[in-house]
Amino acid sequence: MKTLQTLRESSLSRVHNHMTKHDAGFITAFRDGNSRQENKSLNRQMLAVLMRSGYGVTSVKGSYIMDHGTPDAKEVGEPSFFVVDIKDTEKLHTDLISLSVKFE
């Protein structure tokens, strides 16, 4: 059974190695309009799909600037996934786009 990894500072060289050797990307199912509980549930569902697909998945804390370029701009954090196409299937980009549509 695969386990979800959590990114630690000591593993940054490993992340860099994965990014140079394989396709990789970041994704989350968290959305502003959902409750925290809904977002957690959607993220668990997304994780299940990613792991069934055979990708390497590492949990990371993502962040972005909400309302960028406005006086209301602020940094927002959310649980995200760093996904690596370890098997080099060349399907990661398409799968991440499909998941982003499915989970809005």
C-alpha atoms as a PDB file:
ATOM      1  CA  MET A   1       0.000   0.000   0.000  1.00  0.00           C
ATOM      2  CA  LYS A   2       1.305   3.441  -0.909  1.00  0.00           C
ATOM      3  CA  THR A   3       1.573   6.106   1.751  1.00  0.00           C
ATOM      4  CA  LEU A   4       1.304   9.856   1.424  1.00  0.00           C
ATOM      5  CA  GLN A   5       4.599  11.624   2.041  1.00  0.00           C
ATOM      6  CA  THR A   6       4.977  14.976   3.745  1.00  0.00           C
ATOM      7  CA  LEU A   7       7.630  17.324   2.402  1.00  0.00           C
ATOM      8  CA  ARG A   8      10.395  18.140   4.845  1.00  0.00           C
ATOM      9  CA  GLU A   9      13.321  20.491   4.306  1.00  0.00           C
ATOM     10  CA  SER A  10      15.759  17.557   4.197  1.00  0.00           C
ATOM     11  CA  SER A  11      13.936  16.119   1.178  1.00  0.00           C
ATOM     12  CA  LEU A  12      14.164  19.202  -1.050  1.00  0.00           C
ATOM     13  CA  SER A  13      17.037  17.682  -3.036  1.00  0.00           C
ATOM     14  CA  ARG A  14      14.859  14.636  -3.681  1.00  0.00           C
ATOM     15  CA  VAL A  15      12.023  16.885  -4.927  1.00  0.00           C
ATOM     16  CA  HIS A  16      14.483  18.676  -7.209  1.00  0.00           C
ATOM     17  CA  ASN A  17      15.700  15.331  -8.499  1.00  0.00           C
ATOM     18  CA  HIS A  18      12.127  14.213  -9.275  1.00  0.00           C
ATOM     19  CA  MET A  19      11.389  17.479 -11.064  1.00  0.00           C
ATOM     20  CA  THR A  20      14.427  17.167 -13.312  1.00  0.00           C
ATOM     21  CA  LYS A  21      13.865  13.502 -14.174  1.00  0.00           C
ATOM     22  CA  HIS A  22      10.059  13.240 -14.391  1.00  0.00           C
ATOM     23  CA  ASP A  23       6.970  15.278 -15.179  1.00  0.00           C
ATOM     24  CA  ALA A  24       5.669  16.900 -11.995  1.00  0.00           C
ATOM     25  CA  GLY A  25       3.013  19.355 -10.903  1.00  0.00           C
ATOM     26  CA  PHE A  26       1.005  20.759  -8.013  1.00  0.00           C
ATOM     27  CA  ILE A  27      -2.747  20.528  -7.465  1.00  0.00           C
ATOM     28  CA  THR A  28      -5.384  21.007  -4.768  1.00  0.00           C
ATOM     29  CA  ALA A  29      -9.146  20.643  -4.532  1.00  0.00           C
ATOM     30  CA  PHE A  30      -9.507  23.512  -2.025  1.00  0.00           C
ATOM     31  CA  ARG A  31     -11.830  26.312  -3.182  1.00  0.00           C
ATOM     32  CA  ASP A  32     -12.917  29.559  -1.497  1.00  0.00           C
ATOM     33  CA  GLY A  33     -16.648  28.837  -1.824  1.00  0.00           C
ATOM     34  CA  ASN A  34     -16.463  25.548   0.094  1.00  0.00           C
ATOM     35  CA  SER A  35     -16.365  24.940   3.833  1.00  0.00           C
ATOM     36  CA  ARG A  36     -13.121  23.621   5.295  1.00  0.00           C
ATOM     37  CA  GLN A  37     -14.787  20.216   5.787  1.00  0.00           C
ATOM     38  CA  GLU A  38     -15.942  20.119   2.135  1.00  0.00           C
ATOM     39  CA  ASN A  39     -12.441  21.062   0.980  1.00  0.00           C
ATOM     40  CA  LYS A  40     -10.840  18.334   3.103  1.00  0.00           C
ATOM     41  CA  SER A  41     -13.256  15.768   1.694  1.00  0.00           C
ATOM     42  CA  LEU A  42     -12.596  16.862  -1.891  1.00  0.00           C
ATOM     43  CA  ASN A  43      -8.824  16.783  -1.310  1.00  0.00           C
ATOM     44  CA  ARG A  44      -9.098  13.203   0.052  1.00  0.00           C
ATOM     45  CA  GLN A  45     -11.077  12.197  -3.035  1.00  0.00           C
ATOM     46  CA  MET A  46      -8.484  13.806  -5.304  1.00  0.00           C
ATOM     47  CA  LEU A  47      -5.668  12.085  -3.429  1.00  0.00           C
ATOM     48  CA  ALA A  48      -7.356   8.704  -3.909  1.00  0.00           C
ATOM     49  CA  VAL A  49      -7.570   9.277  -7.677  1.00  0.00           C
ATOM     50  CA  LEU A  50      -3.915  10.359  -7.868  1.00  0.00           C
ATOM     51  CA  MET A  51      -2.681   7.365  -5.904  1.00  0.00           C
ATOM     52  CA  ARG A  52      -4.822   4.895  -7.904  1.00  0.00           C
ATOM     53  CA  SER A  53      -3.228   6.367 -11.014  1.00  0.00           C
ATOM     54  CA  GLY A  54       0.209   5.336  -9.753  1.00  0.00           C
ATOM     55  CA  TYR A  55       1.669   8.793  -9.258  1.00  0.00           C
ATOM     56  CA  GLY A  56       4.081   9.723  -6.487  1.00  0.00           C
ATOM     57  CA  VAL A  57       2.210  12.152  -4.231  1.00  0.00           C
ATOM     58  CA  THR A  58       3.660  14.396  -1.522  1.00  0.00           C
ATOM     59  CA  SER A  59       1.546  16.631   0.696  1.00  0.00           C
ATOM     60  CA  VAL A  60       2.684  20.277   0.709  1.00  0.00           C
ATOM     61  CA  LYS A  61       1.325  23.554   2.020  1.00  0.00           C
ATOM     62  CA  GLY A  62       0.495  25.630  -1.018  1.00  0.00           C
ATOM     63  CA  SER A  63       0.019  29.375  -0.928  1.00  0.00           C
ATOM     64  CA  TYR A  64      -1.028  32.140  -3.258  1.00  0.00           C
ATOM     65  CA  ILE A  65      -1.902  35.825  -3.128  1.00  0.00           C
ATOM     66  CA  MET A  66      -5.664  36.249  -3.082  1.00  0.00           C
ATOM     67  CA  ASP A  67      -6.888  39.482  -4.731  1.00  0.00           C
ATOM     68  CA  HIS A  68      -3.378  40.116  -6.069  1.00  0.00           C
ATOM     69  CA  GLY A  69      -2.794  43.717  -7.127  1.00  0.00           C
ATOM     70  CA  THR A  70      -5.589  45.119  -4.957  1.00  0.00           C
ATOM     71  CA  PRO A  71      -5.578  46.749  -1.506  1.00  0.00           C
ATOM     72  CA  ASP A  72      -7.269  43.557  -0.210  1.00  0.00           C
ATOM     73  CA  ALA A  73      -4.391  41.293  -1.337  1.00  0.00           C
ATOM     74  CA  LYS A  74      -3.350  38.694   1.214  1.00  0.00           C
ATOM     75  CA  GLU A  75      -1.427  35.435   1.274  1.00  0.00           C
ATOM     76  CA  VAL A  76      -3.639  32.377   1.640  1.00  0.00           C
ATOM     77  CA  GLY A  77      -2.405  28.855   2.442  1.00  0.00           C
ATOM     78  CA  GLU A  78      -4.014  25.548   1.582  1.00  0.00           C
ATOM     79  CA  PRO A  79      -3.068  21.864   1.588  1.00  0.00           C
ATOM     80  CA  SER A  80      -1.854  20.864  -1.867  1.00  0.00           C
ATOM     81  CA  PHE A  81      -0.209  17.900  -3.548  1.00  0.00           C
ATOM     82  CA  PHE A  82       3.135  17.676  -5.331  1.00  0.00           C
ATOM     83  CA  VAL A  83       2.562  14.966  -7.943  1.00  0.00           C
ATOM     84  CA  VAL A  84       5.311  13.113  -9.827  1.00  0.00           C
ATOM     85  CA  ASP A  85       4.892  10.827 -12.827  1.00  0.00           C
ATOM     86  CA  ILE A  86       7.382   8.287 -11.439  1.00  0.00           C
ATOM     87  CA  LYS A  87       6.488   5.744 -14.132  1.00  0.00           C
ATOM     88  CA  ASP A  88       6.948   8.330 -16.934  1.00  0.00           C
ATOM     89  CA  THR A  89       3.533   7.615 -18.448  1.00  0.00           C
ATOM     90  CA  GLU A  90       3.442  11.097 -20.021  1.00  0.00           C
ATOM     91  CA  LYS A  91      -0.181  11.450 -18.843  1.00  0.00           C
ATOM     92  CA  LEU A  92       0.375  13.694 -15.837  1.00  0.00           C
ATOM     93  CA  HIS A  93      -0.382  17.023 -17.521  1.00  0.00           C
ATOM     94  CA  THR A  94      -3.628  15.708 -19.018  1.00  0.00           C
ATOM     95  CA  ASP A  95      -4.630  14.028 -15.745  1.00  0.00           C
ATOM     96  CA  LEU A  96      -3.992  17.165 -13.667  1.00  0.00           C
ATOM     97  CA  ILE A  97      -6.070  19.256 -16.059  1.00  0.00           C
ATOM     98  CA  SER A  98      -8.886  16.674 -15.922  1.00  0.00           C
ATOM     99  CA  LEU A  99      -8.760  16.675 -12.124  1.00  0.00           C
ATOM    100  CA  SER A 100      -8.790  20.470 -12.013  1.00  0.00           C
ATOM    101  CA  VAL A 101     -11.988  20.441 -14.115  1.00  0.00           C
ATOM    102  CA  LYS A 102     -13.577  17.634 -12.073  1.00  0.00           C
ATOM    103  CA  PHE A 103     -12.815  19.329  -8.728  1.00  0.00           C
ATOM    104  CA  GLU A 104     -13.368  22.850 -10.120  1.00  0.00           C
END
